[in-house]
Structure formats: C-alpha cells, structure tokens
Amino acid sequence: MSGLYLSEKASKARLREAEQATALTGDQREVTGEISLVRQHPADVADFTYQRELQQTTHQLLDRQTAQVEAAMRARDRGTYGVCQECGQGIPPERLQARPEATLCVDCQRRLETGRVS
C-alpha cells in the first residue's frame, strides 16, 4: 500500500514539474514582448488572462491532490486509514480501491465539493 502512495505522490510531482515547465512566467509585457499594455486588443489580453488563470487552477489542483495523498499516508501511519476524517464512519472498500488516497467518505466528499456544510 505504501508503494501506491509513493507512486501517486511521484506522479503528482511529475505533473507539477511539467506544469511549471510550460507555465507563463513574468508579467504580461515580458511574456507577450509588448512594451506597454496600453492599446492591446482585448482578445490578446483575454487569452493571456485565461492562460494565467488556467495555470493557477492547475497549480491549486495539484497542491490539493498532493495534500490528500499525504493525508492518507499520515492516516495509514496513525492506523486511521479507511475512516472518514469528517464524520468518523468507515470509507467503503470500493471507494478506497478506486481512490486509495481518499480521506473522506462519498457523502462528506460530495458536501465538500458542493460547498454544503452539514
């Protein structure tokens, strides 16, 4: 089981490296080669903004997934792996098989993703 977590963590690290290698760096003038941001076509600015937001979203998603893998590893070390961190109920084996890094049961995960708090 530990090898699976380490493999998943390494996979997230490789994704982060690939994302950073293709990321836009610097401010908009440096990336586009423009001297000024004044008089740029709105579509050019929108594309740059979209790419920057996509980059930030990808970074946040990888951070969240890496944190979840690390939380599952800590739960395994504490002997609480397979127990929902939110409600304390057991996480179904089918969910753990599909997502070994899961630290929440399906209902609690759904509430987290939809922003509903019980």
PDB file of N, CA and C in Angstrom:
ATOM      1  N   MET A   1       0.825  -1.195   0.000  1.00  0.00           N
ATOM      2  CA  MET A   1       0.000   0.000   0.000  1.00  0.00           C
ATOM      3  C   MET A   1       0.867   1.256   0.000  1.00  0.00           C
ATOM      4  N   SER A   2       1.993   1.224   0.749  1.00  0.00           N
ATOM      5  CA  SER A   2       2.871   2.383   0.833  1.00  0.00           C
ATOM      6  C   SER A   2       3.450   2.732  -0.528  1.00  0.00           C
ATOM      7  N   GLY A   3       3.780   1.702  -1.332  1.00  0.00           N
ATOM      8  CA  GLY A   3       4.306   1.943  -2.662  1.00  0.00           C
ATOM      9  C   GLY A   3       3.312   2.676  -3.545  1.00  0.00           C
ATOM     10  N   LEU A   4       2.035   2.365  -3.368  1.00  0.00           N
ATOM     11  CA  LEU A   4       0.990   3.027  -4.139  1.00  0.00           C
ATOM     12  C   LEU A   4       0.954   4.519  -3.823  1.00  0.00           C
ATOM     13  N   TYR A   5       1.059   4.868  -2.549  1.00  0.00           N
ATOM     14  CA  TYR A   5       1.056   6.277  -2.159  1.00  0.00           C
ATOM     15  C   TYR A   5       2.281   6.988  -2.713  1.00  0.00           C
ATOM     16  N   LEU A   6       3.434   6.344  -2.594  1.00  0.00           N
ATOM     17  CA  LEU A   6       4.653   6.975  -3.085  1.00  0.00           C
ATOM     18  C   LEU A   6       4.589   7.152  -4.595  1.00  0.00           C
ATOM     19  N   SER A   7       4.012   6.183  -5.297  1.00  0.00           N
ATOM     20  CA  SER A   7       3.845   6.293  -6.737  1.00  0.00           C
ATOM     21  C   SER A   7       2.908   7.437  -7.080  1.00  0.00           C
ATOM     22  N   GLU A   8       1.813   7.549  -6.339  1.00  0.00           N
ATOM     23  CA  GLU A   8       0.846   8.628  -6.573  1.00  0.00           C
ATOM     24  C   GLU A   8       1.484   9.988  -6.280  1.00  0.00           C
ATOM     25  N   LYS A   9       2.266  10.064  -5.221  1.00  0.00           N
ATOM     26  CA  LYS A   9       2.927  11.314  -4.868  1.00  0.00           C
ATOM     27  C   LYS A   9       3.959  11.686  -5.936  1.00  0.00           C
ATOM     28  N   ALA A  10       4.696  10.704  -6.443  1.00  0.00           N
ATOM     29  CA  ALA A  10       5.669  10.959  -7.502  1.00  0.00           C
ATOM     30  C   ALA A  10       4.971  11.410  -8.777  1.00  0.00           C
ATOM     31  N   SER A  11       3.815  10.824  -9.056  1.00  0.00           N
ATOM     32  CA  SER A  11       3.044  11.212 -10.234  1.00  0.00           C
ATOM     33  C   SER A  11       2.625  12.680 -10.134  1.00  0.00           C
ATOM     34  N   LYS A  12       2.177  13.092  -8.963  1.00  0.00           N
ATOM     35  CA  LYS A  12       1.775  14.493  -8.765  1.00  0.00           C
ATOM     36  C   LYS A  12       2.983  15.414  -8.916  1.00  0.00           C
ATOM     37  N   ALA A  13       4.147  14.979  -8.440  1.00  0.00           N
ATOM     38  CA  ALA A  13       5.363  15.786  -8.561  1.00  0.00           C
ATOM     39  C   ALA A  13       5.751  15.943 -10.031  1.00  0.00           C
ATOM     40  N   ARG A  14       5.623  14.869 -10.826  1.00  0.00           N
ATOM     41  CA  ARG A  14       5.931  14.959 -12.256  1.00  0.00           C
ATOM     42  C   ARG A  14       4.959  15.906 -12.963  1.00  0.00           C
ATOM     43  N   LEU A  15       3.674  15.844 -12.597  1.00  0.00           N
ATOM     44  CA  LEU A  15       2.701  16.762 -13.186  1.00  0.00           C
ATOM     45  C   LEU A  15       3.030  18.210 -12.851  1.00  0.00           C
ATOM     46  N   ARG A  16       3.451  18.444 -11.601  1.00  0.00           N
ATOM     47  CA  ARG A  16       3.808  19.802 -11.177  1.00  0.00           C
ATOM     48  C   ARG A  16       5.013  20.303 -11.978  1.00  0.00           C
ATOM     49  N   GLU A  17       6.019  19.445 -12.169  1.00  0.00           N
ATOM     50  CA  GLU A  17       7.195  19.836 -12.939  1.00  0.00           C
ATOM     51  C   GLU A  17       6.818  20.162 -14.378  1.00  0.00           C
ATOM     52  N   ALA A  18       5.963  19.349 -14.986  1.00  0.00           N
ATOM     53  CA  ALA A  18       5.519  19.604 -16.359  1.00  0.00           C
ATOM     54  C   ALA A  18       4.735  20.902 -16.437  1.00  0.00           C
ATOM     55  N   GLU A  19       3.891  21.140 -15.450  1.00  0.00           N
ATOM     56  CA  GLU A  19       3.098  22.374 -15.429  1.00  0.00           C
ATOM     57  C   GLU A  19       4.011  23.580 -15.302  1.00  0.00           C
ATOM     58  N   GLN A  20       5.025  23.497 -14.459  1.00  0.00           N
ATOM     59  CA  GLN A  20       5.933  24.627 -14.269  1.00  0.00           C
ATOM     60  C   GLN A  20       6.818  24.853 -15.487  1.00  0.00           C
ATOM     61  N   ALA A  21       7.151  23.770 -16.188  1.00  0.00           N
ATOM     62  CA  ALA A  21       7.994  23.900 -17.377  1.00  0.00           C
ATOM     63  C   ALA A  21       7.263  24.616 -18.510  1.00  0.00           C
ATOM     64  N   THR A  22       5.952  24.504 -18.529  1.00  0.00           N
ATOM     65  CA  THR A  22       5.172  25.148 -19.592  1.00  0.00           C
ATOM     66  C   THR A  22       4.462  26.405 -19.113  1.00  0.00           C
ATOM     67  N   ALA A  23       4.699  26.803 -17.877  1.00  0.00           N
ATOM     68  CA  ALA A  23       3.980  27.931 -17.280  1.00  0.00           C
ATOM     69  C   ALA A  23       4.439  29.259 -17.854  1.00  0.00           C
ATOM     70  N   LEU A  24       3.512  30.194 -17.855  1.00  0.00           N
ATOM     71  CA  LEU A  24       3.843  31.566 -18.204  1.00  0.00           C
ATOM     72  C   LEU A  24       4.585  32.166 -17.023  1.00  0.00           C
ATOM     73  N   THR A  25       5.719  32.775 -17.289  1.00  0.00           N
ATOM     74  CA  THR A  25       6.479  33.399 -16.211  1.00  0.00           C
ATOM     75  C   THR A  25       6.614  34.884 -16.517  1.00  0.00           C
ATOM     76  N   GLY A  26       6.789  35.652 -15.481  1.00  0.00           N
ATOM     77  CA  GLY A  26       6.926  37.086 -15.665  1.00  0.00           C
ATOM     78  C   GLY A  26       5.576  37.765 -15.813  1.00  0.00           C
ATOM     79  N   ASP A  27       5.629  39.066 -15.997  1.00  0.00           N
ATOM     80  CA  ASP A  27       4.371  39.783 -16.166  1.00  0.00           C
ATOM     81  C   ASP A  27       3.949  39.747 -17.631  1.00  0.00           C
ATOM     82  N   GLN A  28       2.817  40.301 -17.922  1.00  0.00           N
ATOM     83  CA  GLN A  28       2.238  40.214 -19.259  1.00  0.00           C
ATOM     84  C   GLN A  28       3.151  40.823 -20.320  1.00  0.00           C
ATOM     85  N   ARG A  29       3.808  41.917 -20.012  1.00  0.00           N
ATOM     86  CA  ARG A  29       4.697  42.550 -21.002  1.00  0.00           C
ATOM     87  C   ARG A  29       5.862  41.639 -21.344  1.00  0.00           C
ATOM     88  N   GLU A  30       6.428  40.965 -20.319  1.00  0.00           N
ATOM     89  CA  GLU A  30       7.557  40.070 -20.576  1.00  0.00           C
ATOM     90  C   GLU A  30       7.142  38.878 -21.425  1.00  0.00           C
ATOM     91  N   VAL A  31       5.971  38.308 -21.130  1.00  0.00           N
ATOM     92  CA  VAL A  31       5.511  37.115 -21.828  1.00  0.00           C
ATOM     93  C   VAL A  31       5.140  37.427 -23.271  1.00  0.00           C
ATOM     94  N   THR A  32       4.460  38.551 -23.488  1.00  0.00           N
ATOM     95  CA  THR A  32       3.989  38.878 -24.829  1.00  0.00           C
ATOM     96  C   THR A  32       5.007  39.651 -25.645  1.00  0.00           C
ATOM     97  N   GLY A  33       6.039  40.200 -24.999  1.00  0.00           N
ATOM     98  CA  GLY A  33       7.030  41.000 -25.715  1.00  0.00           C
ATOM     99  C   GLY A  33       6.573  42.422 -25.987  1.00  0.00           C
ATOM    100  N   GLU A  34       5.435  42.784 -25.445  1.00  0.00           N
ATOM    101  CA  GLU A  34       4.905  44.130 -25.640  1.00  0.00           C
ATOM    102  C   GLU A  34       5.611  45.104 -24.706  1.00  0.00           C
ATOM    103  N   ILE A  35       5.791  46.313 -25.175  1.00  0.00           N
ATOM    104  CA  ILE A  35       6.411  47.345 -24.355  1.00  0.00           C
ATOM    105  C   ILE A  35       5.403  47.910 -23.369  1.00  0.00           C
ATOM    106  N   SER A  36       4.159  47.996 -23.805  1.00  0.00           N
ATOM    107  CA  SER A  36       3.112  48.581 -22.986  1.00  0.00           C
ATOM    108  C   SER A  36       1.861  47.716 -23.059  1.00  0.00           C
ATOM    109  N   LEU A  37       1.055  47.792 -22.038  1.00  0.00           N
ATOM    110  CA  LEU A  37      -0.218  47.084 -22.038  1.00  0.00           C
ATOM    111  C   LEU A  37      -1.327  47.947 -22.640  1.00  0.00           C
ATOM    112  N   VAL A  38      -1.026  49.203 -22.874  1.00  0.00           N
ATOM    113  CA  VAL A  38      -1.993  50.121 -23.445  1.00  0.00           C
ATOM    114  C   VAL A  38      -2.142  49.806 -24.937  1.00  0.00           C
ATOM    115  N   ARG A  39      -3.365  49.882 -25.422  1.00  0.00           N
ATOM    116  CA  ARG A  39      -3.707  49.713 -26.825  1.00  0.00           C
ATOM    117  C   ARG A  39      -3.556  48.273 -27.313  1.00  0.00           C
ATOM    118  N   GLN A  40      -3.584  47.322 -26.412  1.00  0.00           N
ATOM    119  CA  GLN A  40      -3.599  45.925 -26.847  1.00  0.00           C
ATOM    120  C   GLN A  40      -5.028  45.535 -27.143  1.00  0.00           C
ATOM    121  N   HIS A  41      -5.171  44.644 -28.087  1.00  0.00           N
ATOM    122  CA  HIS A  41      -6.500  44.164 -28.447  1.00  0.00           C
ATOM    123  C   HIS A  41      -7.060  43.371 -27.272  1.00  0.00           C
ATOM    124  N   PRO A  42      -8.335  43.560 -26.926  1.00  0.00           N
ATOM    125  CA  PRO A  42      -8.920  42.845 -25.786  1.00  0.00           C
ATOM    126  C   PRO A  42      -8.784  41.325 -25.888  1.00  0.00           C
ATOM    127  N   ALA A  43      -8.824  40.778 -27.089  1.00  0.00           N
ATOM    128  CA  ALA A  43      -8.690  39.321 -27.239  1.00  0.00           C
ATOM    129  C   ALA A  43      -7.298  38.851 -26.830  1.00  0.00           C
ATOM    130  N   ASP A  44      -6.280  39.646 -27.108  1.00  0.00           N
ATOM    131  CA  ASP A  44      -4.925  39.278 -26.714  1.00  0.00           C
ATOM    132  C   ASP A  44      -4.793  39.261 -25.198  1.00  0.00           C
ATOM    133  N   VAL A  45      -5.355  40.251 -24.559  1.00  0.00           N
ATOM    134  CA  VAL A  45      -5.317  40.330 -23.103  1.00  0.00           C
ATOM    135  C   VAL A  45      -6.141  39.192 -22.495  1.00  0.00           C
ATOM    136  N   ALA A  46      -7.291  38.880 -23.084  1.00  0.00           N
ATOM    137  CA  ALA A  46      -8.156  37.813 -22.570  1.00  0.00           C
ATOM    138  C   ALA A  46      -7.451  36.464 -22.646  1.00  0.00           C
ATOM    139  N   ASP A  47      -6.749  36.202 -23.741  1.00  0.00           N
ATOM    140  CA  ASP A  47      -6.038  34.931 -23.874  1.00  0.00           C
ATOM    141  C   ASP A  47      -4.955  34.811 -22.810  1.00  0.00           C
ATOM    142  N   PHE A  48      -4.216  35.875 -22.605  1.00  0.00           N
ATOM    143  CA  PHE A  48      -3.181  35.857 -21.577  1.00  0.00           C
ATOM    144  C   PHE A  48      -3.795  35.619 -20.201  1.00  0.00           C
ATOM    145  N   THR A  49      -4.885  36.313 -19.909  1.00  0.00           N
ATOM    146  CA  THR A  49      -5.556  36.159 -18.621  1.00  0.00           C
ATOM    147  C   THR A  49      -6.064  34.733 -18.439  1.00  0.00           C
ATOM    148  N   TYR A  50      -6.666  34.177 -19.484  1.00  0.00           N
ATOM    149  CA  TYR A  50      -7.156  32.789 -19.428  1.00  0.00           C
ATOM    150  C   TYR A  50      -6.007  31.817 -19.152  1.00  0.00           C
ATOM    151  N   GLN A  51      -4.911  31.974 -19.861  1.00  0.00           N
ATOM    152  CA  GLN A  51      -3.767  31.072 -19.673  1.00  0.00           C
ATOM    153  C   GLN A  51      -3.212  31.175 -18.247  1.00  0.00           C
ATOM    154  N   ARG A  52      -3.139  32.380 -17.735  1.00  0.00           N
ATOM    155  CA  ARG A  52      -2.624  32.577 -16.369  1.00  0.00           C
ATOM    156  C   ARG A  52      -3.570  31.952 -15.346  1.00  0.00           C
ATOM    157  N   GLU A  53      -4.881  32.121 -15.533  1.00  0.00           N
ATOM    158  CA  GLU A  53      -5.861  31.531 -14.612  1.00  0.00           C
ATOM    159  C   GLU A  53      -5.837  30.003 -14.690  1.00  0.00           C
ATOM    160  N   LEU A  54      -5.699  29.460 -15.886  1.00  0.00           N
ATOM    161  CA  LEU A  54      -5.598  28.008 -16.060  1.00  0.00           C
ATOM    162  C   LEU A  54      -4.365  27.468 -15.348  1.00  0.00           C
ATOM    163  N   GLN A  55      -3.277  28.176 -15.462  1.00  0.00           N
ATOM    164  CA  GLN A  55      -2.045  27.795 -14.779  1.00  0.00           C
ATOM    165  C   GLN A  55      -2.233  27.793 -13.263  1.00  0.00           C
ATOM    166  N   GLN A  56      -2.860  28.813 -12.731  1.00  0.00           N
ATOM    167  CA  GLN A  56      -3.084  28.897 -11.290  1.00  0.00           C
ATOM    168  C   GLN A  56      -4.036  27.804 -10.816  1.00  0.00           C
ATOM    169  N   THR A  57      -5.077  27.527 -11.591  1.00  0.00           N
ATOM    170  CA  THR A  57      -6.027  26.475 -11.230  1.00  0.00           C
ATOM    171  C   THR A  57      -5.351  25.110 -11.218  1.00  0.00           C
ATOM    172  N   THR A  58      -4.529  24.841 -12.222  1.00  0.00           N
ATOM    173  CA  THR A  58      -3.786  23.574 -12.280  1.00  0.00           C
ATOM    174  C   THR A  58      -2.872  23.445 -11.073  1.00  0.00           C
ATOM    175  N   HIS A  59      -2.200  24.509 -10.721  1.00  0.00           N
ATOM    176  CA  HIS A  59      -1.303  24.507  -9.565  1.00  0.00           C
ATOM    177  C   HIS A  59      -2.082  24.213  -8.279  1.00  0.00           C
ATOM    178  N   GLN A  60      -3.223  24.849  -8.109  1.00  0.00           N
ATOM    179  CA  GLN A  60      -4.043  24.622  -6.914  1.00  0.00           C
ATOM    180  C   GLN A  60      -4.565  23.193  -6.854  1.00  0.00           C
ATOM    181  N   LEU A  61      -4.974  22.657  -7.995  1.00  0.00           N
ATOM    182  CA  LEU A  61      -5.471  21.285  -8.054  1.00  0.00           C
ATOM    183  C   LEU A  61      -4.370  20.291  -7.676  1.00  0.00           C
ATOM    184  N   LEU A  62      -3.177  20.488  -8.207  1.00  0.00           N
ATOM    185  CA  LEU A  62      -2.063  19.592  -7.868  1.00  0.00           C
ATOM    186  C   LEU A  62      -1.704  19.703  -6.389  1.00  0.00           C
ATOM    187  N   ASP A  63      -1.740  20.910  -5.850  1.00  0.00           N
ATOM    188  CA  ASP A  63      -1.485  21.089  -4.410  1.00  0.00           C
ATOM    189  C   ASP A  63      -2.500  20.320  -3.580  1.00  0.00           C
ATOM    190  N   ARG A  64      -3.777  20.430  -3.951  1.00  0.00           N
ATOM    191  CA  ARG A  64      -4.842  19.753  -3.211  1.00  0.00           C
ATOM    192  C   ARG A  64      -4.703  18.232  -3.297  1.00  0.00           C
ATOM    193  N   GLN A  65      -4.383  17.723  -4.485  1.00  0.00           N
ATOM    194  CA  GLN A  65      -4.238  16.282  -4.654  1.00  0.00           C
ATOM    195  C   GLN A  65      -3.019  15.753  -3.903  1.00  0.00           C
ATOM    196  N   THR A  66      -1.934  16.488  -3.925  1.00  0.00           N
ATOM    197  CA  THR A  66      -0.735  16.092  -3.185  1.00  0.00           C
ATOM    198  C   THR A  66      -1.012  16.079  -1.685  1.00  0.00           C
ATOM    199  N   ALA A  67      -1.719  17.091  -1.205  1.00  0.00           N
ATOM    200  CA  ALA A  67      -2.071  17.145   0.218  1.00  0.00           C
ATOM    201  C   ALA A  67      -2.951  15.968   0.602  1.00  0.00           C
ATOM    202  N   GLN A  68      -3.852  15.558  -0.290  1.00  0.00           N
ATOM    203  CA  GLN A  68      -4.736  14.427   0.007  1.00  0.00           C
ATOM    204  C   GLN A  68      -3.930  13.121   0.098  1.00  0.00           C
ATOM    205  N   VAL A  69      -2.975  12.933  -0.797  1.00  0.00           N
ATOM    206  CA  VAL A  69      -2.123  11.741  -0.734  1.00  0.00           C
ATOM    207  C   VAL A  69      -1.332  11.738   0.574  1.00  0.00           C
ATOM    208  N   GLU A  70      -0.783  12.883   0.950  1.00  0.00           N
ATOM    209  CA  GLU A  70      -0.011  12.974   2.192  1.00  0.00           C
ATOM    210  C   GLU A  70      -0.893  12.728   3.413  1.00  0.00           C
ATOM    211  N   ALA A  71      -2.133  13.211   3.389  1.00  0.00           N
ATOM    212  CA  ALA A  71      -3.071  12.986   4.498  1.00  0.00           C
ATOM    213  C   ALA A  71      -3.397  11.499   4.628  1.00  0.00           C
ATOM    214  N   ALA A  72      -3.578  10.821   3.500  1.00  0.00           N
ATOM    215  CA  ALA A  72      -3.855   9.383   3.535  1.00  0.00           C
ATOM    216  C   ALA A  72      -2.656   8.620   4.088  1.00  0.00           C
ATOM    217  N   MET A  73      -1.457   9.059   3.742  1.00  0.00           N
ATOM    218  CA  MET A  73      -0.243   8.404   4.272  1.00  0.00           C
ATOM    219  C   MET A  73      -0.149   8.600   5.784  1.00  0.00           C
ATOM    220  N   ARG A  74      -0.469   9.808   6.255  1.00  0.00           N
ATOM    221  CA  ARG A  74      -0.448  10.055   7.710  1.00  0.00           C
ATOM    222  C   ARG A  74      -1.511   9.211   8.415  1.00  0.00           C
ATOM    223  N   ALA A  75      -2.702   9.091   7.802  1.00  0.00           N
ATOM    224  CA  ALA A  75      -3.772   8.279   8.386  1.00  0.00           C
ATOM    225  C   ALA A  75      -3.330   6.820   8.478  1.00  0.00           C
ATOM    226  N   ARG A  76      -2.663   6.343   7.456  1.00  0.00           N
ATOM    227  CA  ARG A  76      -2.160   4.965   7.480  1.00  0.00           C
ATOM    228  C   ARG A  76      -1.156   4.788   8.614  1.00  0.00           C
ATOM    229  N   ASP A  77      -0.264   5.765   8.785  1.00  0.00           N
ATOM    230  CA  ASP A  77       0.730   5.697   9.860  1.00  0.00           C
ATOM    231  C   ASP A  77       0.081   5.730  11.244  1.00  0.00           C
ATOM    232  N   ARG A  78      -1.044   6.461  11.381  1.00  0.00           N
ATOM    233  CA  ARG A  78      -1.745   6.562  12.664  1.00  0.00           C
ATOM    234  C   ARG A  78      -2.695   5.391  12.894  1.00  0.00           C
ATOM    235  N   GLY A  79      -2.923   4.607  11.837  1.00  0.00           N
ATOM    236  CA  GLY A  79      -3.852   3.488  11.963  1.00  0.00           C
ATOM    237  C   GLY A  79      -5.301   3.883  11.761  1.00  0.00           C
ATOM    238  N   THR A  80      -5.533   5.050  11.163  1.00  0.00           N
ATOM    239  CA  THR A  80      -6.903   5.507  10.934  1.00  0.00           C
ATOM    240  C   THR A  80      -7.265   5.500   9.448  1.00  0.00           C
ATOM    241  N   TYR A  81      -6.465   4.827   8.647  1.00  0.00           N
ATOM    242  CA  TYR A  81      -6.746   4.763   7.209  1.00  0.00           C
ATOM    243  C   TYR A  81      -8.070   4.033   6.995  1.00  0.00           C
ATOM    244  N   GLY A  82      -8.917   4.572   6.123  1.00  0.00           N
ATOM    245  CA  GLY A  82     -10.210   3.958   5.844  1.00  0.00           C
ATOM    246  C   GLY A  82     -11.327   4.515   6.698  1.00  0.00           C
ATOM    247  N   VAL A  83     -11.009   5.498   7.544  1.00  0.00           N
ATOM    248  CA  VAL A  83     -12.012   6.146   8.386  1.00  0.00           C
ATOM    249  C   VAL A  83     -12.152   7.582   7.898  1.00  0.00           C
ATOM    250  N   CYS A  84     -13.376   7.997   7.639  1.00  0.00           N
ATOM    251  CA  CYS A  84     -13.640   9.355   7.149  1.00  0.00           C
ATOM    252  C   CYS A  84     -13.167  10.378   8.183  1.00  0.00           C
ATOM    253  N   GLN A  85     -12.358  11.324   7.743  1.00  0.00           N
ATOM    254  CA  GLN A  85     -11.838  12.354   8.645  1.00  0.00           C
ATOM    255  C   GLN A  85     -12.912  13.350   9.068  1.00  0.00           C
ATOM    256  N   GLU A  86     -14.014  13.376   8.348  1.00  0.00           N
ATOM    257  CA  GLU A  86     -15.078  14.328   8.669  1.00  0.00           C
ATOM    258  C   GLU A  86     -16.107  13.740   9.630  1.00  0.00           C
ATOM    259  N   CYS A  87     -16.685  12.585   9.268  1.00  0.00           N
ATOM    260  CA  CYS A  87     -17.792  12.030  10.069  1.00  0.00           C
ATOM    261  C   CYS A  87     -17.383  10.828  10.921  1.00  0.00           C
ATOM    262  N   GLY A  88     -16.202  10.272  10.694  1.00  0.00           N
ATOM    263  CA  GLY A  88     -15.728   9.149  11.500  1.00  0.00           C
ATOM    264  C   GLY A  88     -16.252   7.781  11.074  1.00  0.00           C
ATOM    265  N   GLN A  89     -17.078   7.740  10.030  1.00  0.00           N
ATOM    266  CA  GLN A  89     -17.583   6.466   9.525  1.00  0.00           C
ATOM    267  C   GLN A  89     -16.525   5.814   8.641  1.00  0.00           C
ATOM    268  N   GLY A  90     -16.667   4.510   8.456  1.00  0.00           N
ATOM    269  CA  GLY A  90     -15.747   3.805   7.583  1.00  0.00           C
ATOM    270  C   GLY A  90     -15.946   4.201   6.128  1.00  0.00           C
ATOM    271  N   ILE A  91     -14.853   4.309   5.405  1.00  0.00           N
ATOM    272  CA  ILE A  91     -14.910   4.589   3.969  1.00  0.00           C
ATOM    273  C   ILE A  91     -15.076   3.245   3.269  1.00  0.00           C
ATOM    274  N   PRO A  92     -16.068   3.105   2.396  1.00  0.00           N
ATOM    275  CA  PRO A  92     -16.307   1.820   1.729  1.00  0.00           C
ATOM    276  C   PRO A  92     -15.064   1.323   0.980  1.00  0.00           C
ATOM    277  N   PRO A  93     -14.802   0.009   1.038  1.00  0.00           N
ATOM    278  CA  PRO A  93     -13.631  -0.556   0.358  1.00  0.00           C
ATOM    279  C   PRO A  93     -13.594  -0.249  -1.139  1.00  0.00           C
ATOM    280  N   GLU A  94     -14.769  -0.158  -1.762  1.00  0.00           N
ATOM    281  CA  GLU A  94     -14.818   0.150  -3.197  1.00  0.00           C
ATOM    282  C   GLU A  94     -14.232   1.537  -3.470  1.00  0.00           C
ATOM    283  N   ARG A  95     -14.543   2.487  -2.595  1.00  0.00           N
ATOM    284  CA  ARG A  95     -14.001   3.845  -2.760  1.00  0.00           C
ATOM    285  C   ARG A  95     -12.506   3.840  -2.555  1.00  0.00           C
ATOM    286  N   LEU A  96     -12.031   3.111  -1.537  1.00  0.00           N
ATOM    287  CA  LEU A  96     -10.595   3.067  -1.283  1.00  0.00           C
ATOM    288  C   LEU A  96      -9.857   2.366  -2.420  1.00  0.00           C
ATOM    289  N   GLN A  97     -10.510   1.395  -3.030  1.00  0.00           N
ATOM    290  CA  GLN A  97      -9.876   0.724  -4.160  1.00  0.00           C
ATOM    291  C   GLN A  97      -9.779   1.676  -5.358  1.00  0.00           C
ATOM    292  N   ALA A  98     -10.822   2.448  -5.575  1.00  0.00           N
ATOM    293  CA  ALA A  98     -10.833   3.391  -6.692  1.00  0.00           C
ATOM    294  C   ALA A  98      -9.941   4.599  -6.421  1.00  0.00           C
ATOM    295  N   ARG A  99      -9.942   5.071  -5.180  1.00  0.00           N
ATOM    296  CA  ARG A  99      -9.153   6.244  -4.795  1.00  0.00           C
ATOM    297  C   ARG A  99      -8.457   5.962  -3.471  1.00  0.00           C
ATOM    298  N   PRO A 100      -7.312   5.285  -3.514  1.00  0.00           N
ATOM    299  CA  PRO A 100      -6.613   4.924  -2.269  1.00  0.00           C
ATOM    300  C   PRO A 100      -6.255   6.114  -1.390  1.00  0.00           C
ATOM    301  N   GLU A 101      -6.173   7.301  -1.991  1.00  0.00           N
ATOM    302  CA  GLU A 101      -5.823   8.494  -1.217  1.00  0.00           C
ATOM    303  C   GLU A 101      -7.025   9.137  -0.548  1.00  0.00           C
ATOM    304  N   ALA A 102      -8.211   8.539  -0.703  1.00  0.00           N
ATOM    305  CA  ALA A 102      -9.428   9.130  -0.129  1.00  0.00           C
ATOM    306  C   ALA A 102      -9.344   9.184   1.390  1.00  0.00           C
ATOM    307  N   THR A 103      -9.693  10.329   1.931  1.00  0.00           N
ATOM    308  CA  THR A 103      -9.733  10.504   3.385  1.00  0.00           C
ATOM    309  C   THR A 103     -11.143  10.861   3.853  1.00  0.00           C
ATOM    310  N   LEU A 104     -12.067  10.976   2.889  1.00  0.00           N
ATOM    311  CA  LEU A 104     -13.454  11.294   3.191  1.00  0.00           C
ATOM    312  C   LEU A 104     -14.360  10.255   2.550  1.00  0.00           C
ATOM    313  N   CYS A 105     -15.477   9.963   3.201  1.00  0.00           N
ATOM    314  CA  CYS A 105     -16.474   9.077   2.594  1.00  0.00           C
ATOM    315  C   CYS A 105     -17.129   9.828   1.430  1.00  0.00           C
ATOM    316  N   VAL A 106     -17.908   9.140   0.642  1.00  0.00           N
ATOM    317  CA  VAL A 106     -18.522   9.754  -0.544  1.00  0.00           C
ATOM    318  C   VAL A 106     -19.417  10.935  -0.159  1.00  0.00           C
ATOM    319  N   ASP A 107     -20.237  10.764   0.868  1.00  0.00           N
ATOM    320  CA  ASP A 107     -21.148  11.849   1.260  1.00  0.00           C
ATOM    321  C   ASP A 107     -20.389  13.098   1.716  1.00  0.00           C
ATOM    322  N   CYS A 108     -19.376  12.908   2.545  1.00  0.00           N
ATOM    323  CA  CYS A 108     -18.600  14.062   3.027  1.00  0.00           C
ATOM    324  C   CYS A 108     -17.820  14.705   1.888  1.00  0.00           C
ATOM    325  N   GLN A 109     -17.292  13.906   0.974  1.00  0.00           N
ATOM    326  CA  GLN A 109     -16.576  14.446  -0.192  1.00  0.00           C
ATOM    327  C   GLN A 109     -17.528  15.269  -1.053  1.00  0.00           C
ATOM    328  N   ARG A 110     -18.729  14.761  -1.252  1.00  0.00           N
ATOM    329  CA  ARG A 110     -19.737  15.474  -2.050  1.00  0.00           C
ATOM    330  C   ARG A 110     -20.075  16.812  -1.387  1.00  0.00           C
ATOM    331  N   ARG A 111     -20.269  16.800  -0.065  1.00  0.00           N
ATOM    332  CA  ARG A 111     -20.571  18.056   0.637  1.00  0.00           C
ATOM    333  C   ARG A 111     -19.417  19.046   0.497  1.00  0.00           C
ATOM    334  N   LEU A 112     -18.197  18.559   0.600  1.00  0.00           N
ATOM    335  CA  LEU A 112     -17.034  19.426   0.453  1.00  0.00           C
ATOM    336  C   LEU A 112     -16.985  20.047  -0.936  1.00  0.00           C
ATOM    337  N   GLU A 113     -17.220  19.230  -1.961  1.00  0.00           N
ATOM    338  CA  GLU A 113     -17.132  19.710  -3.331  1.00  0.00           C
ATOM    339  C   GLU A 113     -18.271  20.654  -3.709  1.00  0.00           C
ATOM    340  N   THR A 114     -19.419  20.475  -3.120  1.00  0.00           N
ATOM    341  CA  THR A 114     -20.556  21.348  -3.439  1.00  0.00           C
ATOM    342  C   THR A 114     -20.631  22.560  -2.506  1.00  0.00           C
ATOM    343  N   GLY A 115     -19.766  22.586  -1.499  1.00  0.00           N
ATOM    344  CA  GLY A 115     -19.727  23.713  -0.587  1.00  0.00           C
ATOM    345  C   GLY A 115     -20.795  23.696   0.486  1.00  0.00           C
ATOM    346  N   ARG A 116     -21.487  22.573   0.600  1.00  0.00           N
ATOM    347  CA  ARG A 116     -22.530  22.454   1.639  1.00  0.00           C
ATOM    348  C   ARG A 116     -21.910  21.933   2.922  1.00  0.00           C
ATOM    349  N   VAL A 117     -22.259  22.558   4.005  1.00  0.00           N
ATOM    350  CA  VAL A 117     -21.791  22.124   5.323  1.00  0.00           C
ATOM    351  C   VAL A 117     -22.976  21.587   6.094  1.00  0.00           C
ATOM    352  N   SER A 118     -22.790  20.432   6.732  1.00  0.00           N
ATOM    353  CA  SER A 118     -23.919  19.860   7.491  1.00  0.00           C
ATOM    354  C   SER A 118     -24.020  20.441   8.872  1.00  0.00           C
TER     355      SER A 118
END
